[in-house]
């Protein structure tokens, strides 16, 4: 997909449409924690950050910062 084909907005439930260039960064944790009701412990789901990083790097659109705990995709730098 060419960059000019990308929609410049993302629709969010809480804030409505937001321009992509207004998003400073997006952080994906190595382990996603999904809360559950009735005092049931959170469900922990490991995420394959290496695979995600490789796919994002192949696009080459955004800088990527990696740590042991997360992968940060930098969308807009001030």
N, C-alpha and C. Protein backbone atom coordinates (compact mmCIF):
# COMPACT_ATOMS: atom_id res chain seq x y z
N UNK A 1 0.86 -1.17 0.00
CA UNK A 1 0.00 0.00 0.00
C UNK A 1 0.90 1.24 0.00
N UNK A 2 0.65 2.13 -0.89
CA UNK A 2 1.45 3.35 -0.97
C UNK A 2 1.02 4.33 0.12
N UNK A 3 1.97 5.13 0.55
CA UNK A 3 1.68 6.06 1.65
C UNK A 3 0.56 7.03 1.29
N UNK A 4 0.47 7.43 0.03
CA UNK A 4 -0.59 8.38 -0.35
C UNK A 4 -1.98 7.75 -0.29
N UNK A 5 -2.06 6.40 -0.23
CA UNK A 5 -3.34 5.71 -0.13
C UNK A 5 -3.85 5.61 1.30
N UNK A 6 -3.01 5.93 2.28
CA UNK A 6 -3.40 5.81 3.68
C UNK A 6 -4.35 6.93 4.09
N UNK A 7 -5.36 6.58 4.87
CA UNK A 7 -6.28 7.58 5.41
C UNK A 7 -5.54 8.36 6.49
N UNK A 8 -5.60 9.69 6.48
CA UNK A 8 -4.84 10.47 7.46
C UNK A 8 -5.48 10.49 8.86
N UNK A 9 -6.60 9.81 9.04
CA UNK A 9 -7.29 9.82 10.33
C UNK A 9 -7.54 8.40 10.82
N UNK A 10 -7.66 8.26 12.14
CA UNK A 10 -8.11 7.03 12.77
C UNK A 10 -9.28 7.41 13.66
N UNK A 11 -10.32 6.59 13.67
CA UNK A 11 -11.49 6.89 14.49
C UNK A 11 -11.35 6.16 15.83
N UNK A 12 -11.45 6.91 16.91
CA UNK A 12 -11.36 6.32 18.24
C UNK A 12 -12.71 6.41 18.92
N UNK A 13 -12.97 5.47 19.80
CA UNK A 13 -14.25 5.46 20.51
C UNK A 13 -14.35 6.63 21.48
N UNK A 14 -13.25 6.90 22.19
CA UNK A 14 -13.29 7.92 23.24
C UNK A 14 -13.17 9.35 22.71
N UNK A 15 -12.35 9.56 21.67
CA UNK A 15 -12.03 10.93 21.25
C UNK A 15 -12.52 11.28 19.84
N UNK A 16 -13.15 10.36 19.15
CA UNK A 16 -13.59 10.61 17.78
C UNK A 16 -12.40 10.55 16.84
N UNK A 17 -12.52 11.10 15.62
CA UNK A 17 -11.42 11.04 14.65
C UNK A 17 -10.19 11.81 15.13
N UNK A 18 -9.01 11.20 14.94
CA UNK A 18 -7.74 11.80 15.33
C UNK A 18 -6.79 11.67 14.14
N UNK A 19 -6.10 12.76 13.82
CA UNK A 19 -5.11 12.69 12.75
C UNK A 19 -3.96 11.81 13.18
N UNK A 20 -3.47 10.95 12.26
CA UNK A 20 -2.33 10.10 12.59
C UNK A 20 -1.13 10.93 13.03
N UNK A 21 -0.93 12.08 12.42
CA UNK A 21 0.25 12.86 12.77
C UNK A 21 0.14 13.46 14.18
N UNK A 22 -1.04 13.38 14.78
CA UNK A 22 -1.21 13.85 16.16
C UNK A 22 -0.86 12.76 17.17
N UNK A 23 -0.63 11.54 16.71
CA UNK A 23 -0.28 10.43 17.60
C UNK A 23 1.23 10.42 17.76
N UNK A 24 1.72 10.71 18.97
CA UNK A 24 3.16 10.75 19.21
C UNK A 24 3.77 9.36 19.15
N UNK A 25 3.17 8.41 19.83
CA UNK A 25 3.68 7.05 19.83
C UNK A 25 2.60 6.07 20.22
N UNK A 26 2.83 4.81 19.87
CA UNK A 26 1.94 3.71 20.22
C UNK A 26 2.82 2.63 20.82
N UNK A 27 2.48 2.17 22.02
CA UNK A 27 3.31 1.18 22.69
C UNK A 27 2.56 -0.14 22.80
N UNK A 28 3.23 -1.20 22.35
CA UNK A 28 2.66 -2.54 22.42
C UNK A 28 3.44 -3.32 23.47
N UNK A 29 2.78 -3.79 24.53
CA UNK A 29 3.49 -4.51 25.58
C UNK A 29 3.85 -5.93 25.14
N UNK A 30 4.92 -6.47 25.72
CA UNK A 30 5.33 -7.85 25.43
C UNK A 30 4.27 -8.84 25.94
N UNK A 31 3.58 -8.45 27.00
CA UNK A 31 2.50 -9.27 27.54
C UNK A 31 1.27 -8.38 27.69
N UNK A 32 0.21 -8.73 26.95
CA UNK A 32 -1.05 -8.00 27.06
C UNK A 32 -1.80 -8.54 28.27
N UNK A 33 -2.36 -7.64 29.05
CA UNK A 33 -3.12 -8.05 30.23
C UNK A 33 -4.58 -7.62 30.04
N UNK A 34 -5.45 -8.61 30.02
CA UNK A 34 -6.88 -8.35 29.84
C UNK A 34 -7.59 -8.55 31.17
N UNK A 35 -8.21 -7.49 31.65
CA UNK A 35 -8.90 -7.59 32.94
C UNK A 35 -10.17 -8.41 32.79
N UNK A 36 -10.50 -9.11 33.88
CA UNK A 36 -11.70 -9.94 33.90
C UNK A 36 -12.51 -9.61 35.15
N UNK A 37 -13.81 -9.83 35.10
CA UNK A 37 -14.67 -9.46 36.24
C UNK A 37 -14.57 -10.45 37.41
N UNK A 38 -15.20 -10.08 38.48
CA UNK A 38 -15.39 -10.93 39.67
C UNK A 38 -14.09 -11.40 40.30
N UNK A 39 -13.12 -10.51 40.40
CA UNK A 39 -11.84 -10.82 41.05
C UNK A 39 -11.08 -11.97 40.40
N UNK A 40 -11.37 -12.26 39.16
CA UNK A 40 -10.62 -13.28 38.41
C UNK A 40 -9.32 -12.60 37.97
N UNK A 41 -8.17 -13.26 38.16
CA UNK A 41 -6.91 -12.64 37.75
C UNK A 41 -6.90 -12.27 36.26
N UNK A 42 -6.15 -11.23 35.95
CA UNK A 42 -6.04 -10.80 34.55
C UNK A 42 -5.54 -11.95 33.69
N UNK A 43 -6.02 -11.99 32.47
CA UNK A 43 -5.50 -12.96 31.50
C UNK A 43 -4.27 -12.34 30.87
N UNK A 44 -3.17 -13.07 30.85
CA UNK A 44 -1.93 -12.57 30.28
C UNK A 44 -1.67 -13.27 28.95
N UNK A 45 -1.49 -12.47 27.90
CA UNK A 45 -1.29 -13.01 26.56
C UNK A 45 0.06 -12.52 26.04
N UNK A 46 1.03 -13.42 25.86
CA UNK A 46 2.32 -13.00 25.31
C UNK A 46 2.16 -12.57 23.86
N UNK A 47 2.89 -11.54 23.47
CA UNK A 47 2.82 -11.04 22.10
C UNK A 47 4.20 -11.18 21.45
N UNK A 48 4.21 -11.56 20.20
CA UNK A 48 5.46 -11.79 19.48
C UNK A 48 5.98 -10.45 18.95
N UNK A 49 6.74 -9.74 19.79
CA UNK A 49 7.24 -8.43 19.40
C UNK A 49 8.27 -8.52 18.28
N UNK A 50 9.05 -9.59 18.23
CA UNK A 50 10.05 -9.74 17.17
C UNK A 50 9.38 -9.82 15.81
N UNK A 51 8.30 -10.58 15.71
CA UNK A 51 7.58 -10.69 14.45
C UNK A 51 6.94 -9.36 14.06
N UNK A 52 6.33 -8.70 15.02
CA UNK A 52 5.72 -7.39 14.77
C UNK A 52 6.77 -6.39 14.32
N UNK A 53 7.90 -6.37 15.01
CA UNK A 53 8.97 -5.43 14.66
C UNK A 53 9.47 -5.69 13.24
N UNK A 54 9.62 -6.94 12.86
CA UNK A 54 10.08 -7.28 11.51
C UNK A 54 9.09 -6.81 10.45
N UNK A 55 7.83 -7.00 10.71
CA UNK A 55 6.81 -6.57 9.73
C UNK A 55 6.74 -5.05 9.63
N UNK A 56 6.81 -4.37 10.76
CA UNK A 56 6.79 -2.91 10.73
C UNK A 56 8.04 -2.35 10.05
N UNK A 57 9.19 -2.96 10.32
CA UNK A 57 10.44 -2.51 9.71
C UNK A 57 10.39 -2.66 8.19
N UNK A 58 9.71 -3.70 7.71
CA UNK A 58 9.61 -3.91 6.26
C UNK A 58 8.78 -2.80 5.59
N UNK A 59 7.87 -2.19 6.35
CA UNK A 59 7.09 -1.07 5.81
C UNK A 59 7.93 0.20 5.76
N UNK A 60 8.77 0.37 6.78
CA UNK A 60 9.69 1.50 6.83
C UNK A 60 9.04 2.86 6.99
N UNK A 61 7.82 2.92 7.53
CA UNK A 61 7.13 4.21 7.64
C UNK A 61 7.40 4.93 8.96
N UNK A 62 7.66 4.18 10.03
CA UNK A 62 7.78 4.80 11.34
C UNK A 62 9.00 4.26 12.09
N UNK A 63 9.67 5.10 12.88
CA UNK A 63 10.76 4.62 13.72
C UNK A 63 10.22 3.69 14.81
N UNK A 64 11.02 2.69 15.17
CA UNK A 64 10.63 1.69 16.16
C UNK A 64 11.65 1.70 17.29
N UNK A 65 11.16 1.71 18.53
CA UNK A 65 12.02 1.62 19.70
C UNK A 65 11.66 0.34 20.45
N UNK A 66 12.65 -0.49 20.75
CA UNK A 66 12.41 -1.79 21.36
C UNK A 66 13.03 -1.86 22.75
N UNK A 67 12.28 -2.43 23.69
CA UNK A 67 12.81 -2.75 25.01
C UNK A 67 12.36 -4.16 25.34
N UNK A 68 12.78 -4.69 26.48
CA UNK A 68 12.35 -6.03 26.87
C UNK A 68 10.85 -6.09 27.17
N UNK A 69 10.30 -4.97 27.60
CA UNK A 69 8.90 -4.95 28.01
C UNK A 69 7.92 -4.51 26.93
N UNK A 70 8.43 -3.85 25.87
CA UNK A 70 7.48 -3.31 24.89
C UNK A 70 8.16 -2.94 23.57
N UNK A 71 7.30 -2.64 22.62
CA UNK A 71 7.72 -2.13 21.32
C UNK A 71 7.00 -0.80 21.14
N UNK A 72 7.74 0.26 20.90
CA UNK A 72 7.14 1.59 20.74
C UNK A 72 7.30 2.02 19.29
N UNK A 73 6.18 2.37 18.68
CA UNK A 73 6.17 2.88 17.31
C UNK A 73 5.99 4.39 17.41
N UNK A 74 6.97 5.13 16.93
CA UNK A 74 6.96 6.59 17.02
C UNK A 74 6.24 7.13 15.79
N UNK A 75 5.13 7.82 16.04
CA UNK A 75 4.35 8.34 14.93
C UNK A 75 4.65 9.79 14.62
N UNK A 76 4.97 10.57 15.65
CA UNK A 76 5.17 11.99 15.46
C UNK A 76 6.13 12.48 16.52
N UNK A 77 7.21 13.11 16.10
CA UNK A 77 8.18 13.67 17.05
C UNK A 77 8.03 15.17 17.09
N UNK A 78 8.07 15.71 18.27
CA UNK A 78 7.95 17.17 18.40
C UNK A 78 9.27 17.85 18.09
